[in-house]
Amino acid sequence: MNEKSKCLGLKRNVTNFAVAHGMHHDFNYSSARDMATISWHVMRTHSFFCTIIDTKVFECHSRCSSHIYKWENTNYMLWESSRCYHGIKTGITLTAGPCLAVNYKTKCGTFDFIVVVLNCKSRESRFEETPKLVEWACNKINKVKKTNYKPSLRRKLLKNLAHL
């Protein structure tokens, strides 16, 4: 994971993985921006990942026994009727607090971006704060798109918004 992070241009002093499972480890750390970059890359290169993160319940058979593993997705945004949210990762650790990473994609394809929130006040607040951030981002994007600026300047402004 550290090698892939380096290939994506992430700096080791901001992101480091000591264990792959994502649970607490003193040498696991990252920023919301780096987590969004990693998420974006994985979603664009691994279609099976996209299938799993969008699934409310996922089952798979053990390779070693007849056991069936069953996971239930804790991203409650998947249950919303609009279905504009695509789950990436939920989690809670002592150092990062309640976290959430989601892909927001409008049905008409106008917007497609990733929102990452770290250290939320509560488990529930990560699901309350994310739609507020999505609304803020959509308003900013719409504002830039409606300007009379030259297309090259609009592209530059939109590109800069992608890195917030």
Foldseek 3Di string as FASTA:
>chain_A
DVVVLVVLVHDLVAADDPDDPPEDDPSGHHDQLSVQSVQVVCVVPPVVLQVVQLDQKDWDADPVDRDIDIDGDPLCVSVDPQNQKGFRDWDAYPVFGTKGKIWGAHPVRPDTGIGIDTRDPHNVVNVVVVVVVVVVLVVQLVVLVPDPDDPVVSVVSVVVSRRD
